[in-house]
Each structure stands twice: as structure tokens, then as C-alpha cells.
Amino acid sequence: MAGKQRAKLRGMANTLDTILYIGKDGITDATIKECCDALEARELIKGCVQQGAPLNAREALSELCEKTGAEPIQQIGRRFVLFRPSREKPRIEIE
């Protein structure tokens, strides 16, 4: 993914609410399923690693991207953003 495309998605992610939380159990099968469902529905999602989680945001982001086939967009502090175009109805256009 090119820098301009990533920058556009970062700008779009600023207004998003956090919908995916990684807790003390880390990344479970349920978390991966929730992430896949959210990516299919929204394409761009924001997540957060809560205090007490066994991994940091960078580790969570890379593991989720690996298991869901998503692109890492941004990671700041405990928050992160991922993107994966919808297979059914792609809505976000990135040139």
C-alpha cells in the first residue's frame, strides 16, 4: 500500500469510534472472528489494547493483520487501525 493511500485511510480513521478491544485474554478465536466481521462490514476499524493485556498494540496489530489478511494503517499508544476491503461490497475507494 502506498503512502498516500495509507495517509488517506489514517485521516478517515480519526473520526472512527473504537470497536475492537483486546483484553486480558489477548487475541482469542472470538476476537479474530469479531475483527473479521467488523472488517467485512466497515472495512476500516479502530481497536484498543486495554491495560493488563498480555501484548502491546504493535504486537496485537501485527497478529490481527496476519490472521485476518488486513493491512496495518496506524498504531499510536494503545490504539491501532486496520483496513481490509470488503469481499462483498467494497465501499472505501483508495487510488
PDB file of N, CA and C in Angstrom:
ATOM      1  N   MET A   1       0.850  -1.176   0.000  1.00  0.00           N
ATOM      2  CA  MET A   1       0.000   0.000   0.000  1.00  0.00           C
ATOM      3  C   MET A   1       0.897   1.242   0.000  1.00  0.00           C
ATOM      4  N   ALA A   2       0.566   2.190  -0.843  1.00  0.00           N
ATOM      5  CA  ALA A   2       1.363   3.407  -0.983  1.00  0.00           C
ATOM      6  C   ALA A   2       1.129   4.363   0.191  1.00  0.00           C
ATOM      7  N   GLY A   3       2.079   5.250   0.382  1.00  0.00           N
ATOM      8  CA  GLY A   3       2.000   6.211   1.482  1.00  0.00           C
ATOM      9  C   GLY A   3       0.782   7.116   1.409  1.00  0.00           C
ATOM     10  N   LYS A   4       0.417   7.543   0.186  1.00  0.00           N
ATOM     11  CA  LYS A   4      -0.757   8.420   0.033  1.00  0.00           C
ATOM     12  C   LYS A   4      -2.039   7.687   0.406  1.00  0.00           C
ATOM     13  N   GLN A   5      -2.121   6.426   0.032  1.00  0.00           N
ATOM     14  CA  GLN A   5      -3.301   5.631   0.361  1.00  0.00           C
ATOM     15  C   GLN A   5      -3.414   5.467   1.874  1.00  0.00           C
ATOM     16  N   ARG A   6      -2.296   5.155   2.497  1.00  0.00           N
ATOM     17  CA  ARG A   6      -2.279   4.976   3.953  1.00  0.00           C
ATOM     18  C   ARG A   6      -2.645   6.284   4.665  1.00  0.00           C
ATOM     19  N   ALA A   7      -2.143   7.409   4.157  1.00  0.00           N
ATOM     20  CA  ALA A   7      -2.440   8.714   4.749  1.00  0.00           C
ATOM     21  C   ALA A   7      -3.936   9.023   4.652  1.00  0.00           C
ATOM     22  N   LYS A   8      -4.543   8.699   3.515  1.00  0.00           N
ATOM     23  CA  LYS A   8      -5.976   8.929   3.345  1.00  0.00           C
ATOM     24  C   LYS A   8      -6.774   8.098   4.362  1.00  0.00           C
ATOM     25  N   LEU A   9      -6.395   6.843   4.530  1.00  0.00           N
ATOM     26  CA  LEU A   9      -7.091   5.972   5.482  1.00  0.00           C
ATOM     27  C   LEU A   9      -6.867   6.436   6.923  1.00  0.00           C
ATOM     28  N   ARG A  10      -5.672   6.935   7.239  1.00  0.00           N
ATOM     29  CA  ARG A  10      -5.420   7.469   8.584  1.00  0.00           C
ATOM     30  C   ARG A  10      -6.331   8.650   8.867  1.00  0.00           C
ATOM     31  N   GLY A  11      -6.515   9.508   7.866  1.00  0.00           N
ATOM     32  CA  GLY A  11      -7.418  10.649   8.023  1.00  0.00           C
ATOM     33  C   GLY A  11      -8.858  10.216   8.251  1.00  0.00           C
ATOM     34  N   MET A  12      -9.277   9.185   7.527  1.00  0.00           N
ATOM     35  CA  MET A  12     -10.638   8.673   7.699  1.00  0.00           C
ATOM     36  C   MET A  12     -10.817   8.044   9.079  1.00  0.00           C
ATOM     37  N   ALA A  13      -9.753   7.455   9.618  1.00  0.00           N
ATOM     38  CA  ALA A  13      -9.830   6.756  10.903  1.00  0.00           C
ATOM     39  C   ALA A  13      -9.924   7.711  12.089  1.00  0.00           C
ATOM     40  N   ASN A  14      -9.570   8.983  11.894  1.00  0.00           N
ATOM     41  CA  ASN A  14      -9.604   9.940  13.009  1.00  0.00           C
ATOM     42  C   ASN A  14     -10.976  10.047  13.647  1.00  0.00           C
ATOM     43  N   THR A  15     -12.015   9.964  12.860  1.00  0.00           N
ATOM     44  CA  THR A  15     -13.371  10.157  13.383  1.00  0.00           C
ATOM     45  C   THR A  15     -14.036   8.858  13.827  1.00  0.00           C
ATOM     46  N   LEU A  16     -13.351   7.721  13.616  1.00  0.00           N
ATOM     47  CA  LEU A  16     -13.953   6.435  13.971  1.00  0.00           C
ATOM     48  C   LEU A  16     -13.963   6.211  15.476  1.00  0.00           C
ATOM     49  N   ASP A  17     -14.986   5.502  15.941  1.00  0.00           N
ATOM     50  CA  ASP A  17     -15.018   5.058  17.329  1.00  0.00           C
ATOM     51  C   ASP A  17     -14.255   3.742  17.424  1.00  0.00           C
ATOM     52  N   THR A  18     -13.699   3.482  18.578  1.00  0.00           N
ATOM     53  CA  THR A  18     -13.009   2.218  18.821  1.00  0.00           C
ATOM     54  C   THR A  18     -14.054   1.122  18.990  1.00  0.00           C
ATOM     55  N   ILE A  19     -13.957   0.063  18.195  1.00  0.00           N
ATOM     56  CA  ILE A  19     -14.962  -1.003  18.279  1.00  0.00           C
ATOM     57  C   ILE A  19     -14.365  -2.353  18.654  1.00  0.00           C
ATOM     58  N   LEU A  20     -13.043  -2.477  18.630  1.00  0.00           N
ATOM     59  CA  LEU A  20     -12.402  -3.763  18.928  1.00  0.00           C
ATOM     60  C   LEU A  20     -11.476  -3.578  20.126  1.00  0.00           C
ATOM     61  N   TYR A  21     -11.691  -4.369  21.160  1.00  0.00           N
ATOM     62  CA  TYR A  21     -10.883  -4.266  22.377  1.00  0.00           C
ATOM     63  C   TYR A  21     -10.162  -5.582  22.637  1.00  0.00           C
ATOM     64  N   ILE A  22      -8.867  -5.484  22.930  1.00  0.00           N
ATOM     65  CA  ILE A  22      -8.069  -6.639  23.294  1.00  0.00           C
ATOM     66  C   ILE A  22      -7.868  -6.576  24.804  1.00  0.00           C
ATOM     67  N   GLY A  23      -8.362  -7.586  25.516  1.00  0.00           N
ATOM     68  CA  GLY A  23      -8.309  -7.584  26.976  1.00  0.00           C
ATOM     69  C   GLY A  23      -7.278  -8.522  27.537  1.00  0.00           C
ATOM     70  N   LYS A  24      -7.502  -8.939  28.788  1.00  0.00           N
ATOM     71  CA  LYS A  24      -6.519  -9.759  29.499  1.00  0.00           C
ATOM     72  C   LYS A  24      -6.326 -11.147  28.894  1.00  0.00           C
ATOM     73  N   ASP A  25      -7.289 -11.607  28.086  1.00  0.00           N
ATOM     74  CA  ASP A  25      -7.152 -12.913  27.440  1.00  0.00           C
ATOM     75  C   ASP A  25      -6.337 -12.843  26.152  1.00  0.00           C
ATOM     76  N   GLY A  26      -5.988 -11.650  25.714  1.00  0.00           N
ATOM     77  CA  GLY A  26      -5.223 -11.490  24.483  1.00  0.00           C
ATOM     78  C   GLY A  26      -6.117 -11.692  23.258  1.00  0.00           C
ATOM     79  N   ILE A  27      -5.532 -12.174  22.180  1.00  0.00           N
ATOM     80  CA  ILE A  27      -6.275 -12.382  20.932  1.00  0.00           C
ATOM     81  C   ILE A  27      -6.762 -13.824  20.898  1.00  0.00           C
ATOM     82  N   THR A  28      -8.070 -13.991  21.024  1.00  0.00           N
ATOM     83  CA  THR A  28      -8.688 -15.316  21.011  1.00  0.00           C
ATOM     84  C   THR A  28      -9.362 -15.548  19.659  1.00  0.00           C
ATOM     85  N   ASP A  29      -9.896 -16.750  19.466  1.00  0.00           N
ATOM     86  CA  ASP A  29     -10.638 -17.044  18.236  1.00  0.00           C
ATOM     87  C   ASP A  29     -11.843 -16.126  18.097  1.00  0.00           C
ATOM     88  N   ALA A  30     -12.492 -15.818  19.226  1.00  0.00           N
ATOM     89  CA  ALA A  30     -13.653 -14.917  19.200  1.00  0.00           C
ATOM     90  C   ALA A  30     -13.238 -13.511  18.772  1.00  0.00           C
ATOM     91  N   THR A  31     -12.079 -13.069  19.221  1.00  0.00           N
ATOM     92  CA  THR A  31     -11.576 -11.746  18.835  1.00  0.00           C
ATOM     93  C   THR A  31     -11.305 -11.700  17.338  1.00  0.00           C
ATOM     94  N   ILE A  32     -10.726 -12.756  16.811  1.00  0.00           N
ATOM     95  CA  ILE A  32     -10.418 -12.813  15.375  1.00  0.00           C
ATOM     96  C   ILE A  32     -11.700 -12.814  14.557  1.00  0.00           C
ATOM     97  N   LYS A  33     -12.703 -13.568  15.003  1.00  0.00           N
ATOM     98  CA  LYS A  33     -13.983 -13.600  14.295  1.00  0.00           C
ATOM     99  C   LYS A  33     -14.661 -12.230  14.334  1.00  0.00           C
ATOM    100  N   GLU A  34     -14.640 -11.595  15.501  1.00  0.00           N
ATOM    101  CA  GLU A  34     -15.220 -10.260  15.645  1.00  0.00           C
ATOM    102  C   GLU A  34     -14.509  -9.270  14.726  1.00  0.00           C
ATOM    103  N   CYS A  35     -13.190  -9.363  14.651  1.00  0.00           N
ATOM    104  CA  CYS A  35     -12.401  -8.482  13.791  1.00  0.00           C
ATOM    105  C   CYS A  35     -12.746  -8.711  12.318  1.00  0.00           C
ATOM    106  N   CYS A  36     -12.838  -9.972  11.902  1.00  0.00           N
ATOM    107  CA  CYS A  36     -13.181 -10.289  10.501  1.00  0.00           C
ATOM    108  C   CYS A  36     -14.565  -9.772  10.146  1.00  0.00           C
ATOM    109  N   ASP A  37     -15.536  -9.970  11.044  1.00  0.00           N
ATOM    110  CA  ASP A  37     -16.897  -9.492  10.797  1.00  0.00           C
ATOM    111  C   ASP A  37     -16.926  -7.971  10.678  1.00  0.00           C
ATOM    112  N   ALA A  38     -16.203  -7.291  11.565  1.00  0.00           N
ATOM    113  CA  ALA A  38     -16.174  -5.826  11.545  1.00  0.00           C
ATOM    114  C   ALA A  38     -15.490  -5.318  10.279  1.00  0.00           C
ATOM    115  N   LEU A  39     -14.408  -5.972   9.869  1.00  0.00           N
ATOM    116  CA  LEU A  39     -13.719  -5.566   8.637  1.00  0.00           C
ATOM    117  C   LEU A  39     -14.601  -5.759   7.417  1.00  0.00           C
ATOM    118  N   GLU A  40     -15.365  -6.842   7.378  1.00  0.00           N
ATOM    119  CA  GLU A  40     -16.263  -7.092   6.248  1.00  0.00           C
ATOM    120  C   GLU A  40     -17.357  -6.028   6.194  1.00  0.00           C
ATOM    121  N   ALA A  41     -17.860  -5.633   7.356  1.00  0.00           N
ATOM    122  CA  ALA A  41     -18.948  -4.660   7.407  1.00  0.00           C
ATOM    123  C   ALA A  41     -18.460  -3.226   7.204  1.00  0.00           C
ATOM    124  N   ARG A  42     -17.294  -2.880   7.779  1.00  0.00           N
ATOM    125  CA  ARG A  42     -16.846  -1.482   7.787  1.00  0.00           C
ATOM    126  C   ARG A  42     -15.595  -1.203   6.966  1.00  0.00           C
ATOM    127  N   GLU A  43     -14.775  -2.207   6.738  1.00  0.00           N
ATOM    128  CA  GLU A  43     -13.508  -2.120   6.011  1.00  0.00           C
ATOM    129  C   GLU A  43     -12.386  -1.438   6.801  1.00  0.00           C
ATOM    130  N   LEU A  44     -12.690  -0.406   7.559  1.00  0.00           N
ATOM    131  CA  LEU A  44     -11.683   0.328   8.332  1.00  0.00           C
ATOM    132  C   LEU A  44     -12.133   0.327   9.783  1.00  0.00           C
ATOM    133  N   ILE A  45     -11.332  -0.254  10.676  1.00  0.00           N
ATOM    134  CA  ILE A  45     -11.742  -0.323  12.079  1.00  0.00           C
ATOM    135  C   ILE A  45     -10.609   0.131  12.997  1.00  0.00           C
ATOM    136  N   LYS A  46     -11.016   0.606  14.168  1.00  0.00           N
ATOM    137  CA  LYS A  46     -10.070   1.054  15.174  1.00  0.00           C
ATOM    138  C   LYS A  46     -10.179   0.137  16.379  1.00  0.00           C
ATOM    139  N   GLY A  47      -9.036  -0.251  16.912  1.00  0.00           N
ATOM    140  CA  GLY A  47      -9.005  -1.130  18.072  1.00  0.00           C
ATOM    141  C   GLY A  47      -8.147  -0.551  19.176  1.00  0.00           C
ATOM    142  N   CYS A  48      -8.248  -1.172  20.347  1.00  0.00           N
ATOM    143  CA  CYS A  48      -7.512  -0.698  21.513  1.00  0.00           C
ATOM    144  C   CYS A  48      -7.073  -1.895  22.346  1.00  0.00           C
ATOM    145  N   VAL A  49      -5.856  -1.827  22.862  1.00  0.00           N
ATOM    146  CA  VAL A  49      -5.360  -2.844  23.786  1.00  0.00           C
ATOM    147  C   VAL A  49      -5.522  -2.278  25.182  1.00  0.00           C
ATOM    148  N   GLN A  50      -6.284  -2.961  26.017  1.00  0.00           N
ATOM    149  CA  GLN A  50      -6.554  -2.472  27.360  1.00  0.00           C
ATOM    150  C   GLN A  50      -5.391  -2.778  28.291  1.00  0.00           C
ATOM    151  N   GLN A  51      -5.336  -2.046  29.405  1.00  0.00           N
ATOM    152  CA  GLN A  51      -4.292  -2.296  30.395  1.00  0.00           C
ATOM    153  C   GLN A  51      -4.470  -3.701  30.947  1.00  0.00           C
ATOM    154  N   GLY A  52      -3.396  -4.373  31.197  1.00  0.00           N
ATOM    155  CA  GLY A  52      -3.449  -5.732  31.709  1.00  0.00           C
ATOM    156  C   GLY A  52      -3.448  -6.782  30.615  1.00  0.00           C
ATOM    157  N   ALA A  53      -3.480  -6.360  29.359  1.00  0.00           N
ATOM    158  CA  ALA A  53      -3.432  -7.309  28.239  1.00  0.00           C
ATOM    159  C   ALA A  53      -2.006  -7.863  28.130  1.00  0.00           C
ATOM    160  N   PRO A  54      -1.873  -9.121  27.701  1.00  0.00           N
ATOM    161  CA  PRO A  54      -0.546  -9.734  27.641  1.00  0.00           C
ATOM    162  C   PRO A  54       0.335  -9.236  26.488  1.00  0.00           C
ATOM    163  N   LEU A  55      -0.186  -8.406  25.589  1.00  0.00           N
ATOM    164  CA  LEU A  55       0.615  -7.906  24.480  1.00  0.00           C
ATOM    165  C   LEU A  55       0.374  -6.415  24.282  1.00  0.00           C
ATOM    166  N   ASN A  56       1.299  -5.765  23.596  1.00  0.00           N
ATOM    167  CA  ASN A  56       1.146  -4.335  23.341  1.00  0.00           C
ATOM    168  C   ASN A  56       0.418  -4.120  22.008  1.00  0.00           C
ATOM    169  N   ALA A  57       0.143  -2.876  21.680  1.00  0.00           N
ATOM    170  CA  ALA A  57      -0.652  -2.558  20.486  1.00  0.00           C
ATOM    171  C   ALA A  57       0.054  -2.978  19.202  1.00  0.00           C
ATOM    172  N   ARG A  58       1.357  -2.825  19.138  1.00  0.00           N
ATOM    173  CA  ARG A  58       2.100  -3.204  17.930  1.00  0.00           C
ATOM    174  C   ARG A  58       2.004  -4.712  17.692  1.00  0.00           C
ATOM    175  N   GLU A  59       2.158  -5.500  18.757  1.00  0.00           N
ATOM    176  CA  GLU A  59       2.052  -6.952  18.642  1.00  0.00           C
ATOM    177  C   GLU A  59       0.633  -7.371  18.261  1.00  0.00           C
ATOM    178  N   ALA A  60      -0.362  -6.733  18.885  1.00  0.00           N
ATOM    179  CA  ALA A  60      -1.762  -7.049  18.582  1.00  0.00           C
ATOM    180  C   ALA A  60      -2.084  -6.723  17.126  1.00  0.00           C
ATOM    181  N   LEU A  61      -1.624  -5.574  16.663  1.00  0.00           N
ATOM    182  CA  LEU A  61      -1.874  -5.151  15.286  1.00  0.00           C
ATOM    183  C   LEU A  61      -1.257  -6.135  14.297  1.00  0.00           C
ATOM    184  N   SER A  62      -0.005  -6.519  14.499  1.00  0.00           N
ATOM    185  CA  SER A  62       0.635  -7.435  13.554  1.00  0.00           C
ATOM    186  C   SER A  62      -0.014  -8.816  13.584  1.00  0.00           C
ATOM    187  N   GLU A  63      -0.404  -9.294  14.771  1.00  0.00           N
ATOM    188  CA  GLU A  63      -1.048 -10.609  14.849  1.00  0.00           C
ATOM    189  C   GLU A  63      -2.424 -10.596  14.184  1.00  0.00           C
ATOM    190  N   LEU A  64      -3.203  -9.542  14.425  1.00  0.00           N
ATOM    191  CA  LEU A  64      -4.527  -9.446  13.792  1.00  0.00           C
ATOM    192  C   LEU A  64      -4.408  -9.328  12.277  1.00  0.00           C
ATOM    193  N   CYS A  65      -3.447  -8.553  11.800  1.00  0.00           N
ATOM    194  CA  CYS A  65      -3.254  -8.415  10.349  1.00  0.00           C
ATOM    195  C   CYS A  65      -2.878  -9.752   9.727  1.00  0.00           C
ATOM    196  N   GLU A  66      -2.022 -10.497  10.404  1.00  0.00           N
ATOM    197  CA  GLU A  66      -1.592 -11.800   9.899  1.00  0.00           C
ATOM    198  C   GLU A  66      -2.767 -12.779   9.840  1.00  0.00           C
ATOM    199  N   LYS A  67      -3.622 -12.767  10.856  1.00  0.00           N
ATOM    200  CA  LYS A  67      -4.702 -13.758  10.929  1.00  0.00           C
ATOM    201  C   LYS A  67      -5.956 -13.370  10.154  1.00  0.00           C
ATOM    202  N   THR A  68      -6.110 -12.080   9.825  1.00  0.00           N
ATOM    203  CA  THR A  68      -7.312 -11.642   9.102  1.00  0.00           C
ATOM    204  C   THR A  68      -7.022 -11.207   7.669  1.00  0.00           C
ATOM    205  N   GLY A  69      -5.753 -11.067   7.313  1.00  0.00           N
ATOM    206  CA  GLY A  69      -5.405 -10.618   5.974  1.00  0.00           C
ATOM    207  C   GLY A  69      -5.610  -9.122   5.786  1.00  0.00           C
ATOM    208  N   ALA A  70      -5.613  -8.370   6.879  1.00  0.00           N
ATOM    209  CA  ALA A  70      -5.825  -6.924   6.818  1.00  0.00           C
ATOM    210  C   ALA A  70      -4.487  -6.190   6.682  1.00  0.00           C
ATOM    211  N   GLU A  71      -4.570  -4.913   6.357  1.00  0.00           N
ATOM    212  CA  GLU A  71      -3.396  -4.049   6.249  1.00  0.00           C
ATOM    213  C   GLU A  71      -3.285  -3.202   7.515  1.00  0.00           C
ATOM    214  N   PRO A  72      -2.098  -3.115   8.114  1.00  0.00           N
ATOM    215  CA  PRO A  72      -1.928  -2.200   9.248  1.00  0.00           C
ATOM    216  C   PRO A  72      -1.879  -0.758   8.725  1.00  0.00           C
ATOM    217  N   ILE A  73      -2.651   0.118   9.338  1.00  0.00           N
ATOM    218  CA  ILE A  73      -2.693   1.510   8.894  1.00  0.00           C
ATOM    219  C   ILE A  73      -1.960   2.422   9.870  1.00  0.00           C
ATOM    220  N   GLN A  74      -2.238   2.250  11.169  1.00  0.00           N
ATOM    221  CA  GLN A  74      -1.665   3.163  12.144  1.00  0.00           C
ATOM    222  C   GLN A  74      -1.668   2.514  13.520  1.00  0.00           C
ATOM    223  N   GLN A  75      -0.686   2.887  14.342  1.00  0.00           N
ATOM    224  CA  GLN A  75      -0.636   2.456  15.730  1.00  0.00           C
ATOM    225  C   GLN A  75      -0.067   3.607  16.542  1.00  0.00           C
ATOM    226  N   ILE A  76      -0.875   4.104  17.486  1.00  0.00           N
ATOM    227  CA  ILE A  76      -0.438   5.188  18.361  1.00  0.00           C
ATOM    228  C   ILE A  76      -0.816   4.801  19.782  1.00  0.00           C
ATOM    229  N   GLY A  77       0.164   4.713  20.657  1.00  0.00           N
ATOM    230  CA  GLY A  77      -0.113   4.336  22.040  1.00  0.00           C
ATOM    231  C   GLY A  77      -0.727   2.951  22.099  1.00  0.00           C
ATOM    232  N   ARG A  78      -1.907   2.859  22.709  1.00  0.00           N
ATOM    233  CA  ARG A  78      -2.587   1.567  22.807  1.00  0.00           C
ATOM    234  C   ARG A  78      -3.625   1.371  21.720  1.00  0.00           C
ATOM    235  N   ARG A  79      -3.784   2.332  20.827  1.00  0.00           N
ATOM    236  CA  ARG A  79      -4.784   2.242  19.761  1.00  0.00           C
ATOM    237  C   ARG A  79      -4.142   1.876  18.429  1.00  0.00           C
ATOM    238  N   PHE A  80      -4.941   1.214  17.583  1.00  0.00           N
ATOM    239  CA  PHE A  80      -4.444   0.821  16.270  1.00  0.00           C
ATOM    240  C   PHE A  80      -5.598   0.816  15.273  1.00  0.00           C
ATOM    241  N   VAL A  81      -5.240   0.901  13.981  1.00  0.00           N
ATOM    242  CA  VAL A  81      -6.234   0.935  12.907  1.00  0.00           C
ATOM    243  C   VAL A  81      -5.843  -0.097  11.855  1.00  0.00           C
ATOM    244  N   LEU A  82      -6.845  -0.868  11.379  1.00  0.00           N
ATOM    245  CA  LEU A  82      -6.614  -1.835  10.305  1.00  0.00           C
ATOM    246  C   LEU A  82      -7.615  -1.624   9.184  1.00  0.00           C
ATOM    247  N   PHE A  83      -7.208  -2.069   7.989  1.00  0.00           N
ATOM    248  CA  PHE A  83      -8.047  -1.926   6.803  1.00  0.00           C
ATOM    249  C   PHE A  83      -8.006  -3.207   5.992  1.00  0.00           C
ATOM    250  N   ARG A  84      -9.174  -3.611   5.533  1.00  0.00           N
ATOM    251  CA  ARG A  84      -9.276  -4.718   4.565  1.00  0.00           C
ATOM    252  C   ARG A  84     -10.516  -4.450   3.715  1.00  0.00           C
ATOM    253  N   PRO A  85     -10.368  -4.391   2.391  1.00  0.00           N
ATOM    254  CA  PRO A  85     -11.541  -4.158   1.542  1.00  0.00           C
ATOM    255  C   PRO A  85     -12.560  -5.282   1.712  1.00  0.00           C
ATOM    256  N   SER A  86     -13.818  -4.921   1.670  1.00  0.00           N
ATOM    257  CA  SER A  86     -14.899  -5.903   1.785  1.00  0.00           C
ATOM    258  C   SER A  86     -14.913  -6.803   0.561  1.00  0.00           C
ATOM    259  N   ARG A  87     -15.154  -8.073   0.771  1.00  0.00           N
ATOM    260  CA  ARG A  87     -15.234  -9.002  -0.356  1.00  0.00           C
ATOM    261  C   ARG A  87     -16.575  -8.879  -1.062  1.00  0.00           C
ATOM    262  N   GLU A  88     -17.618  -8.557  -0.309  1.00  0.00           N
ATOM    263  CA  GLU A  88     -18.979  -8.457  -0.853  1.00  0.00           C
ATOM    264  C   GLU A  88     -19.224  -7.115  -1.544  1.00  0.00           C
ATOM    265  N   LYS A  89     -19.105  -6.020  -0.759  1.00  0.00           N
ATOM    266  CA  LYS A  89     -19.385  -4.682  -1.285  1.00  0.00           C
ATOM    267  C   LYS A  89     -18.297  -3.709  -0.859  1.00  0.00           C
ATOM    268  N   PRO A  90     -17.223  -3.574  -1.618  1.00  0.00           N
ATOM    269  CA  PRO A  90     -16.210  -2.592  -1.252  1.00  0.00           C
ATOM    270  C   PRO A  90     -16.766  -1.176  -1.327  1.00  0.00           C
ATOM    271  N   ARG A  91     -16.578  -0.410  -0.248  1.00  0.00           N
ATOM    272  CA  ARG A  91     -17.116   0.952  -0.187  1.00  0.00           C
ATOM    273  C   ARG A  91     -16.030   2.017  -0.174  1.00  0.00           C
ATOM    274  N   ILE A  92     -14.894   1.715   0.392  1.00  0.00           N
ATOM    275  CA  ILE A  92     -13.827   2.719   0.500  1.00  0.00           C
ATOM    276  C   ILE A  92     -12.958   2.632  -0.745  1.00  0.00           C
ATOM    277  N   GLU A  93     -12.890   3.752  -1.470  1.00  0.00           N
ATOM    278  CA  GLU A  93     -12.079   3.831  -2.689  1.00  0.00           C
ATOM    279  C   GLU A  93     -10.703   4.408  -2.330  1.00  0.00           C
ATOM    280  N   ILE A  94      -9.661   3.649  -2.594  1.00  0.00           N
ATOM    281  CA  ILE A  94      -8.297   4.187  -2.430  1.00  0.00           C
ATOM    282  C   ILE A  94      -7.573   4.028  -3.757  1.00  0.00           C
ATOM    283  N   GLU A  95      -7.057   5.147  -4.251  1.00  0.00           N
ATOM    284  CA  GLU A  95      -6.371   5.127  -5.550  1.00  0.00           C
ATOM    285  C   GLU A  95      -4.922   4.803  -5.353  1.00  0.00           C
TER     286      GLU A  95
END
